[in-house]
C-alpha atoms as a PDB file:
ATOM      1  CA  MET A   1     102.613  94.347 115.069  1.00  0.00           C
ATOM      2  CA  VAL A   2      99.972  95.913 113.704  1.00  0.00           C
ATOM      3  CA  GLN A   3     100.739  98.842 116.278  1.00  0.00           C
ATOM      4  CA  SER A   4     104.168  98.481 115.401  1.00  0.00           C
ATOM      5  CA  GLY A   5     104.049  98.974 112.160  1.00  0.00           C
ATOM      6  CA  GLY A   6     101.976 101.862 111.430  1.00  0.00           C
ATOM      7  CA  ILE A   7      98.884 103.763 109.118  1.00  0.00           C
ATOM      8  CA  VAL A   8      99.996 101.477 106.571  1.00  0.00           C
ATOM      9  CA  MET A   9      99.376  98.145 108.463  1.00  0.00           C
ATOM     10  CA  TYR A  10      95.692  98.554 108.719  1.00  0.00           C
ATOM     11  CA  PRO A  11      95.024  98.134 105.097  1.00  0.00           C
ATOM     12  CA  LEU A  12      97.516  95.026 105.413  1.00  0.00           C
ATOM     13  CA  LEU A  13      95.234  93.745 107.728  1.00  0.00           C
ATOM     14  CA  PHE A  14      92.109  94.367 105.525  1.00  0.00           C
ATOM     15  CA  VAL A  15      93.753  92.826 102.352  1.00  0.00           C
ATOM     16  CA  ALA A  16      94.399  89.466 104.963  1.00  0.00           C
ATOM     17  CA  ILE A  17      91.189  89.475 106.277  1.00  0.00           C
ATOM     18  CA  LEU A  18      89.510  89.868 102.160  1.00  0.00           C
ATOM     19  CA  GLY A  19      91.630  87.661 100.549  1.00  0.00           C
ATOM     20  CA  LEU A  20      91.339  84.791 103.309  1.00  0.00           C
ATOM     21  CA  ILE A  21      87.070  85.709 102.626  1.00  0.00           C
ATOM     22  CA  MET A  22      87.530  85.148  99.094  1.00  0.00           C
ATOM     23  CA  SER A  23      89.753  81.981  98.772  1.00  0.00           C
ATOM     24  CA  ILE A  24      87.197  80.375 101.764  1.00  0.00           C
ATOM     25  CA  GLU A  25      84.629  81.052  99.085  1.00  0.00           C
ATOM     26  CA  ARG A  26      86.049  79.731  95.972  1.00  0.00           C
ATOM     27  CA  SER A  27      87.182  76.981  97.285  1.00  0.00           C
ATOM     28  CA  LEU A  28      83.593  76.357  99.048  1.00  0.00           C
ATOM     29  CA  ALA A  29      82.094  77.214  95.392  1.00  0.00           C
ATOM     30  CA  TYR A  30      84.638  74.798  93.682  1.00  0.00           C
ATOM     31  CA  LEU A  31      83.520  71.967  96.031  1.00  0.00           C
ATOM     32  CA  TRP A  32      80.041  72.699  95.490  1.00  0.00           C
ATOM     33  CA  ARG A  33      79.191  73.732  91.942  1.00  0.00           C
ATOM     34  CA  GLY A  34      82.211  72.537  90.603  1.00  0.00           C
ATOM     35  CA  ARG A  35      81.564  69.076  91.528  1.00  0.00           C
ATOM     36  CA  ILE A  36      81.879  65.613  89.419  1.00  0.00           C
ATOM     37  CA  SER A  37      79.819  62.517  90.402  1.00  0.00           C
ATOM     38  CA  LYS A  38      81.159  59.908  88.894  1.00  0.00           C
ATOM     39  CA  LYS A  39      78.047  58.500  90.396  1.00  0.00           C
ATOM     40  CA  PHE A  40      75.554  61.073  88.577  1.00  0.00           C
ATOM     41  CA  ILE A  41      77.908  60.738  85.275  1.00  0.00           C
ATOM     42  CA  ASP A  42      77.222  56.974  85.231  1.00  0.00           C
ATOM     43  CA  SER A  43      73.636  56.748  86.083  1.00  0.00           C
ATOM     44  CA  LEU A  44      72.817  59.823  83.744  1.00  0.00           C
ATOM     45  CA  HIS A  45      74.680  57.413  81.098  1.00  0.00           C
ATOM     46  CA  THR A  46      72.952  54.267  81.711  1.00  0.00           C
ATOM     47  CA  LEU A  47      69.962  56.689  81.328  1.00  0.00           C
ATOM     48  CA  ILE A  48      70.896  57.625  77.807  1.00  0.00           C
ATOM     49  CA  SER A  49      71.937  54.598  76.788  1.00  0.00           C
ATOM     50  CA  GLU A  50      68.156  53.201  77.623  1.00  0.00           C
ATOM     51  CA  LYS A  51      66.898  56.601  75.503  1.00  0.00           C
ATOM     52  CA  LYS A  52      65.002  57.631  78.846  1.00  0.00           C
ATOM     53  CA  PHE A  53      66.103  61.307  77.715  1.00  0.00           C
ATOM     54  CA  ALA A  54      63.151  62.785  80.312  1.00  0.00           C
ATOM     55  CA  LYS A  55      64.390  61.015  83.374  1.00  0.00           C
ATOM     56  CA  ALA A  56      67.626  61.999  82.373  1.00  0.00           C
ATOM     57  CA  SER A  57      66.875  65.476  82.310  1.00  0.00           C
ATOM     58  CA  GLU A  58      65.211  65.392  85.483  1.00  0.00           C
ATOM     59  CA  LEU A  59      68.572  63.839  87.135  1.00  0.00           C
ATOM     60  CA  CYS A  60      70.604  67.025  85.890  1.00  0.00           C
ATOM     61  CA  SER A  61      68.030  69.382  87.118  1.00  0.00           C
ATOM     62  CA  LYS A  62      68.467  68.085  90.240  1.00  0.00           C
ATOM     63  CA  GLN A  63      72.086  68.156  90.529  1.00  0.00           C
ATOM     64  CA  LYS A  64      72.667  71.927  91.267  1.00  0.00           C
ATOM     65  CA  THR A  65      75.930  71.853  90.124  1.00  0.00           C
ATOM     66  CA  GLY A  66      77.771  73.135  87.240  1.00  0.00           C
ATOM     67  CA  LEU A  67      78.106  70.294  85.498  1.00  0.00           C
ATOM     68  CA  GLY A  68      74.764  69.215  85.951  1.00  0.00           C
ATOM     69  CA  ASN A  69      73.690  72.350  83.921  1.00  0.00           C
ATOM     70  CA  VAL A  70      76.137  71.616  81.334  1.00  0.00           C
ATOM     71  CA  LEU A  71      74.820  67.751  81.171  1.00  0.00           C
ATOM     72  CA  TYR A  72      71.203  69.479  81.146  1.00  0.00           C
ATOM     73  CA  ALA A  73      71.561  71.730  78.304  1.00  0.00           C
ATOM     74  CA  VAL A  74      72.379  68.489  75.868  1.00  0.00           C
ATOM     75  CA  VAL A  75      69.877  66.289  76.800  1.00  0.00           C
ATOM     76  CA  ASN A  76      67.421  68.861  76.627  1.00  0.00           C
ATOM     77  CA  GLN A  77      67.793  68.820  72.886  1.00  0.00           C
ATOM     78  CA  ALA A  78      67.938  65.279  72.613  1.00  0.00           C
ATOM     79  CA  HIS A  79      64.724  64.921  70.345  1.00  0.00           C
ATOM     80  CA  ASN A  80      66.581  68.037  68.141  1.00  0.00           C
ATOM     81  CA  SER A  81      69.468  67.851  65.936  1.00  0.00           C
ATOM     82  CA  LEU A  82      73.419  67.544  67.132  1.00  0.00           C
ATOM     83  CA  ALA A  83      73.600  71.402  65.676  1.00  0.00           C
ATOM     84  CA  ALA A  84      70.702  72.444  68.406  1.00  0.00           C
ATOM     85  CA  ALA A  85      72.461  70.810  71.114  1.00  0.00           C
ATOM     86  CA  GLU A  86      76.310  71.942  70.032  1.00  0.00           C
ATOM     87  CA  LYS A  87      74.702  75.378  70.257  1.00  0.00           C
ATOM     88  CA  SER A  88      72.640  75.322  73.798  1.00  0.00           C
ATOM     89  CA  LEU A  89      76.006  73.066  75.163  1.00  0.00           C
ATOM     90  CA  HIS A  90      77.763  76.003  74.048  1.00  0.00           C
ATOM     91  CA  GLU A  91      75.533  78.435  75.692  1.00  0.00           C
ATOM     92  CA  ALA A  92      75.501  77.021  78.978  1.00  0.00           C
ATOM     93  CA  LEU A  93      79.796  76.511  78.936  1.00  0.00           C
ATOM     94  CA  LEU A  94      79.616  80.475  78.644  1.00  0.00           C
ATOM     95  CA  ARG A  95      77.423  80.909  81.423  1.00  0.00           C
ATOM     96  CA  GLU A  96      79.372  78.605  83.550  1.00  0.00           C
ATOM     97  CA  GLN A  97      82.499  80.280  83.046  1.00  0.00           C
ATOM     98  CA  PRO A  98      81.989  83.361  84.765  1.00  0.00           C
ATOM     99  CA  ALA A  99      80.673  81.913  87.669  1.00  0.00           C
ATOM    100  CA  LEU A 100      83.497  79.274  88.050  1.00  0.00           C
ATOM    101  CA  GLU A 101      86.194  82.633  87.211  1.00  0.00           C
ATOM    102  CA  ARG A 102      84.469  85.297  89.762  1.00  0.00           C
ATOM    103  CA  ARG A 103      86.798  87.134  92.209  1.00  0.00           C
ATOM    104  CA  MET A 104      90.042  84.990  90.800  1.00  0.00           C
ATOM    105  CA  GLY A 105      91.477  87.995  89.494  1.00  0.00           C
ATOM    106  CA  LEU A 106      90.680  89.971  92.618  1.00  0.00           C
ATOM    107  CA  LEU A 107      91.976  87.494  94.738  1.00  0.00           C
ATOM    108  CA  ALA A 108      95.140  87.442  92.441  1.00  0.00           C
ATOM    109  CA  ALA A 109      95.303  91.460  93.462  1.00  0.00           C
ATOM    110  CA  MET A 110      95.306  90.781  96.791  1.00  0.00           C
ATOM    111  CA  GLY A 111      98.405  88.713  96.541  1.00  0.00           C
ATOM    112  CA  SER A 112      99.911  91.450  94.139  1.00  0.00           C
ATOM    113  CA  ILE A 113      98.849  94.288  96.844  1.00  0.00           C
ATOM    114  CA  ALA A 114     100.192  93.165  99.916  1.00  0.00           C
ATOM    115  CA  PRO A 115     104.129  93.373  99.028  1.00  0.00           C
ATOM    116  CA  LEU A 116     103.555  96.510  97.518  1.00  0.00           C
ATOM    117  CA  LEU A 117     101.611  98.140 100.620  1.00  0.00           C
ATOM    118  CA  GLY A 118     104.536  96.682 102.712  1.00  0.00           C
ATOM    119  CA  LEU A 119     106.775  98.315 100.280  1.00  0.00           C
ATOM    120  CA  LEU A 120     105.313 101.371 101.084  1.00  0.00           C
ATOM    121  CA  GLY A 121     105.069 100.807 104.562  1.00  0.00           C
ATOM    122  CA  THR A 122     108.983 101.042 105.017  1.00  0.00           C
ATOM    123  CA  VAL A 123     109.504 103.745 102.494  1.00  0.00           C
ATOM    124  CA  THR A 124     106.835 105.957 104.593  1.00  0.00           C
ATOM    125  CA  GLY A 125     108.606 104.396 107.999  1.00  0.00           C
ATOM    126  CA  MET A 126     111.846 105.624 106.881  1.00  0.00           C
ATOM    127  CA  ILE A 127     111.167 108.849 105.742  1.00  0.00           C
ATOM    128  CA  THR A 128     109.690 109.080 109.252  1.00  0.00           C
ATOM    129  CA  LEU A 129     113.098 107.968 110.680  1.00  0.00           C
ATOM    130  CA  PHE A 130     115.152 110.739 108.305  1.00  0.00           C
ATOM    131  CA  ASN A 131     113.098 113.352 110.106  1.00  0.00           C
ATOM    132  CA  VAL A 132     113.183 112.046 113.446  1.00  0.00           C
ATOM    133  CA  ILE A 133     116.956 111.987 112.846  1.00  0.00           C
ATOM    134  CA  ILE A 134     117.019 115.638 111.515  1.00  0.00           C
ATOM    135  CA  GLU A 135     115.332 116.782 114.684  1.00  0.00           C
ATOM    136  CA  VAL A 136     117.161 114.403 117.514  1.00  0.00           C
ATOM    137  CA  GLY A 137     120.344 113.921 115.332  1.00  0.00           C
ATOM    138  CA  THR A 138     121.860 110.241 115.243  1.00  0.00           C
ATOM    139  CA  ASN A 139     123.397 109.697 118.970  1.00  0.00           C
ATOM    140  CA  ASP A 140     120.441 108.062 120.074  1.00  0.00           C
ATOM    141  CA  VAL A 141     121.082 104.365 118.286  1.00  0.00           C
ATOM    142  CA  LYS A 142     117.966 102.622 120.094  1.00  0.00           C
ATOM    143  CA  VAL A 143     115.862 105.620 118.138  1.00  0.00           C
ATOM    144  CA  LEU A 144     117.369 104.773 115.590  1.00  0.00           C
ATOM    145  CA  ALA A 145     117.009 100.964 115.700  1.00  0.00           C
ATOM    146  CA  GLY A 146     113.581 100.754 116.540  1.00  0.00           C
ATOM    147  CA  GLY A 147     112.891 103.208 113.481  1.00  0.00           C
ATOM    148  CA  ILE A 148     114.418 100.472 111.034  1.00  0.00           C
ATOM    149  CA  SER A 149     112.761  97.918 112.707  1.00  0.00           C
ATOM    150  CA  GLU A 150     109.524  99.542 112.446  1.00  0.00           C
ATOM    151  CA  ALA A 151     109.570 100.531 108.840  1.00  0.00           C
ATOM    152  CA  LEU A 152     110.771  96.631 107.911  1.00  0.00           C
ATOM    153  CA  ILE A 153     107.479  95.371 110.075  1.00  0.00           C
ATOM    154  CA  THR A 154     105.315  96.208 107.310  1.00  0.00           C
ATOM    155  CA  THR A 155     107.396  94.832 104.820  1.00  0.00           C
ATOM    156  CA  GLU A 156     107.643  91.405 107.001  1.00  0.00           C
ATOM    157  CA  ALA A 157     103.608  91.706 106.791  1.00  0.00           C
ATOM    158  CA  GLY A 158     102.901  92.303 103.243  1.00  0.00           C
ATOM    159  CA  LEU A 159     105.099  88.846 102.294  1.00  0.00           C
ATOM    160  CA  ILE A 160     103.635  87.029 105.180  1.00  0.00           C
ATOM    161  CA  ILE A 161     100.153  88.225 103.439  1.00  0.00           C
ATOM    162  CA  ALA A 162     101.124  87.865  99.834  1.00  0.00           C
ATOM    163  CA  ILE A 163     102.931  83.861 100.239  1.00  0.00           C
ATOM    164  CA  PRO A 164      99.743  82.239 101.353  1.00  0.00           C
ATOM    165  CA  ILE A 165      97.366  84.416  99.259  1.00  0.00           C
ATOM    166  CA  LEU A 166      99.560  83.833  95.742  1.00  0.00           C
ATOM    167  CA  LEU A 167      99.768  79.448  96.461  1.00  0.00           C
ATOM    168  CA  ILE A 168      95.891  79.398  97.562  1.00  0.00           C
ATOM    169  CA  HIS A 169      95.359  81.510  94.002  1.00  0.00           C
ATOM    170  CA  GLY A 170      97.652  78.432  92.663  1.00  0.00           C
ATOM    171  CA  LYS A 171      95.631  76.005  93.731  1.00  0.00           C
ATOM    172  CA  LEU A 172      92.365  76.753  92.761  1.00  0.00           C
ATOM    173  CA  SER A 173      93.542  78.504  89.470  1.00  0.00           C
ATOM    174  CA  GLU A 174      94.524  74.404  88.892  1.00  0.00           C
ATOM    175  CA  ASN A 175      91.079  73.277  90.448  1.00  0.00           C
ATOM    176  CA  LEU A 176      89.579  75.719  87.824  1.00  0.00           C
ATOM    177  CA  ASP A 177      91.391  74.348  85.037  1.00  0.00           C
ATOM    178  CA  TYR A 178      90.716  70.804  86.020  1.00  0.00           C
ATOM    179  CA  ILE A 179      86.492  71.589  86.386  1.00  0.00           C
ATOM    180  CA  THR A 180      86.137  73.262  83.055  1.00  0.00           C
ATOM    181  CA  GLY A 181      88.179  70.428  81.511  1.00  0.00           C
ATOM    182  CA  GLU A 182      85.899  68.172  82.985  1.00  0.00           C
ATOM    183  CA  PHE A 183      83.070  70.339  81.896  1.00  0.00           C
ATOM    184  CA  GLY A 184      83.962  70.280  78.208  1.00  0.00           C
ATOM    185  CA  ILE A 185      84.948  65.999  78.622  1.00  0.00           C
ATOM    186  CA  GLN A 186      81.961  65.282  79.716  1.00  0.00           C
ATOM    187  CA  SER A 187      79.518  67.171  77.929  1.00  0.00           C
ATOM    188  CA  PHE A 188      81.263  65.928  74.663  1.00  0.00           C
ATOM    189  CA  ALA A 189      81.005  62.194  75.724  1.00  0.00           C
ATOM    190  CA  LEU A 190      77.001  62.821  75.951  1.00  0.00           C
ATOM    191  CA  LEU A 191      77.033  64.538  72.586  1.00  0.00           C
ATOM    192  CA  ASN A 192      78.516  61.116  71.004  1.00  0.00           C
ATOM    193  CA  ARG A 193      76.177  59.043  73.560  1.00  0.00           C
ATOM    194  CA  ILE A 194      73.242  60.531  72.247  1.00  0.00           C
ATOM    195  CA  TRP A 195      74.288  61.121  68.662  1.00  0.00           C
ATOM    196  CA  PRO A 196      76.870  58.612  67.580  1.00  0.00           C
ATOM    197  CA  GLU A 197      76.319  58.316  64.169  1.00  0.00           C
ATOM    198  CA  LYS A 198      76.517  61.589  63.358  1.00  0.00           C
ATOM    199  CA  SER A 199      79.428  62.264  65.596  1.00  0.00           C
ATOM    200  CA  GLU A 200      81.338  59.300  63.956  1.00  0.00           C
ATOM    201  CA  SER A 201      80.742  60.866  60.485  1.00  0.00           C
ATOM    202  CA  ASN A 202      81.714  64.528  61.912  1.00  0.00           C
ATOM    203  CA  ALA A 203      84.765  63.366  63.102  1.00  0.00           C
END
């Protein structure tokens, strides 16, 4: 198929491989860095209820996840003011966001580029076909059919590559929204547990 489609099939193949690698990398990143462990959250809330802030900080630092880093920023300010904790939380969220969103834009671009490359291959293929027609005429039907088939292969390949990449990007975007939402929910829930009186007065 690569040989039949012409030179444009090579950048299409590159896009397919790159899209696959980025999809796997982001999936693993969300599976690990974006992991939301209910057991960890329950254990942390228990330690906070018992005012064991040092152990709570240690528990967060051991997680090696985005949620652990965000909640550590809150727990680490337990002996300070609510304002200091909110500032630390905001900084932690800003640090985690780029790590989670990394390569998502490039993955979306791969899904958009693939059909355009396929269309480019079709256009260049048709131009080549017309040049052949000018040289040998239109008497040979097999030549015409073969040239049109070759031109359309790149369009087919572009769509075959683009559709899975865009579907994967959509799913990963949903995962990203869920993870960032949970970061916000769990961090503000922790703020309310450590500073319940101030949280109620602010509300």
